[in-house]
Amino acid sequence: MKLGLQSVKNLPNLNDLQVFLQVARRFSFTSVADELGMSPAFVSKRIRMLETDLGLRLLHRSTRNVSLTDDGERVLRWAQTLLHQVGQLEAQID
């Protein structure tokens, strides 16, 4: 899989990427929801919307476990770089 504008149906929402990064680091919708002051259902919805935007399944979900798919691991690396660069841009603009 190659991430590029040709393979992305819709550009992902940066806030959804942030939520995905948190879930990928903690492997828990509930702990991320608590940290962000959101419901677990809302966190799950944002992840589903990101998966729809990218046309990829990012996470394996069960009642007890959350883990990254192969695509999820690739998107995680891409999102970390992208969000870091966005942060640097914001710092330069301020």
Protein backbone atom coordinates (compact mmCIF):
# COMPACT_ATOMS: atom_id res chain seq x y z
CA MET A 1 0.00 0.00 0.00
CA LYS A 2 1.28 3.42 -0.91
CA LEU A 3 -0.26 6.46 0.69
CA GLY A 4 -0.70 9.20 -1.84
CA LEU A 5 -3.41 11.49 -3.02
CA GLN A 6 -4.41 8.98 -5.68
CA SER A 7 -5.16 6.28 -3.07
CA VAL A 8 -6.96 8.53 -0.58
CA LYS A 9 -10.66 8.97 -1.29
CA ASN A 10 -10.94 11.98 1.02
CA LEU A 11 -8.18 13.80 2.84
CA PRO A 12 -8.22 12.76 6.49
CA ASN A 13 -9.30 15.10 9.26
CA LEU A 14 -6.27 16.09 11.36
CA ASN A 15 -8.27 15.74 14.58
CA ASP A 16 -9.21 12.19 13.57
CA LEU A 17 -5.54 11.44 12.96
CA GLN A 18 -4.76 12.72 16.47
CA VAL A 19 -7.43 10.45 17.94
CA PHE A 20 -6.06 7.52 15.94
CA LEU A 21 -2.54 8.18 17.25
CA GLN A 22 -3.82 8.16 20.82
CA VAL A 23 -5.73 4.88 20.29
CA ALA A 24 -2.72 3.32 18.54
CA ARG A 25 -0.46 4.25 21.49
CA ARG A 26 -2.84 3.09 24.23
CA PHE A 27 -4.71 0.28 22.44
CA SER A 28 -7.85 1.46 24.22
CA PHE A 29 -10.83 3.50 23.11
CA THR A 30 -11.95 3.99 26.70
CA SER A 31 -8.69 5.43 28.05
CA VAL A 32 -8.41 7.78 25.08
CA ALA A 33 -12.02 8.86 25.52
CA ASP A 34 -11.40 9.57 29.21
CA GLU A 35 -8.26 11.56 28.44
CA LEU A 36 -9.95 13.62 25.71
CA GLY A 37 -13.23 14.10 27.57
CA MET A 38 -15.20 12.19 24.95
CA SER A 39 -17.32 9.07 25.02
CA PRO A 40 -15.80 5.79 23.80
CA ALA A 41 -18.56 5.68 21.16
CA PHE A 42 -17.46 9.08 19.83
CA VAL A 43 -13.81 7.95 19.67
CA SER A 44 -14.89 4.81 17.83
CA LYS A 45 -16.96 6.91 15.41
CA ARG A 46 -13.97 9.18 14.64
CA ILE A 47 -11.80 6.12 13.92
CA ARG A 48 -14.48 4.67 11.64
CA MET A 49 -14.71 8.00 9.79
CA LEU A 50 -10.93 8.07 9.35
CA GLU A 51 -10.99 4.49 8.04
CA THR A 52 -13.72 5.49 5.60
CA ASP A 53 -11.81 8.57 4.46
CA LEU A 54 -8.66 6.52 3.86
CA GLY A 55 -10.45 3.47 2.49
CA LEU A 56 -8.47 1.29 4.92
CA ARG A 57 -9.09 -0.77 8.02
CA LEU A 58 -6.67 0.59 10.63
CA LEU A 59 -7.53 -1.40 13.74
CA HIS A 60 -8.55 -4.90 14.73
CA ARG A 61 -11.23 -4.54 17.41
CA SER A 62 -12.64 -7.02 19.86
CA THR A 63 -14.43 -6.57 23.16
CA ARG A 64 -11.11 -6.80 25.00
CA ASN A 65 -8.38 -5.90 22.55
CA VAL A 66 -7.46 -3.25 20.03
CA SER A 67 -4.49 -3.79 17.72
CA LEU A 68 -3.14 -2.23 14.56
CA THR A 69 -3.63 -3.80 11.15
CA ASP A 70 -0.71 -3.73 8.71
CA ASP A 71 -2.33 -0.69 7.08
CA GLY A 72 -2.79 0.83 10.54
CA GLU A 73 0.93 0.52 11.23
CA ARG A 74 1.76 2.29 7.96
CA VAL A 75 -0.80 5.03 8.59
CA LEU A 76 0.52 5.46 12.14
CA ARG A 77 4.03 6.23 10.85
CA TRP A 78 2.63 8.53 8.16
CA ALA A 79 0.33 10.34 10.64
CA GLN A 80 3.14 10.86 13.16
CA THR A 81 5.26 12.55 10.49
CA LEU A 82 2.37 14.60 9.11
CA LEU A 83 1.17 15.83 12.51
CA HIS A 84 4.74 16.65 13.57
CA GLN A 85 5.16 18.76 10.44
CA VAL A 86 1.82 20.49 11.02
CA GLY A 87 2.95 21.28 14.58
CA GLN A 88 6.19 22.77 13.27
CA LEU A 89 4.27 24.91 10.79
CA GLU A 90 1.93 26.15 13.53
CA ALA A 91 4.93 27.04 15.72
CA GLN A 92 6.52 29.05 12.90
CA ILE A 93 3.29 30.91 12.17
CA ASP A 94 2.64 31.91 15.80
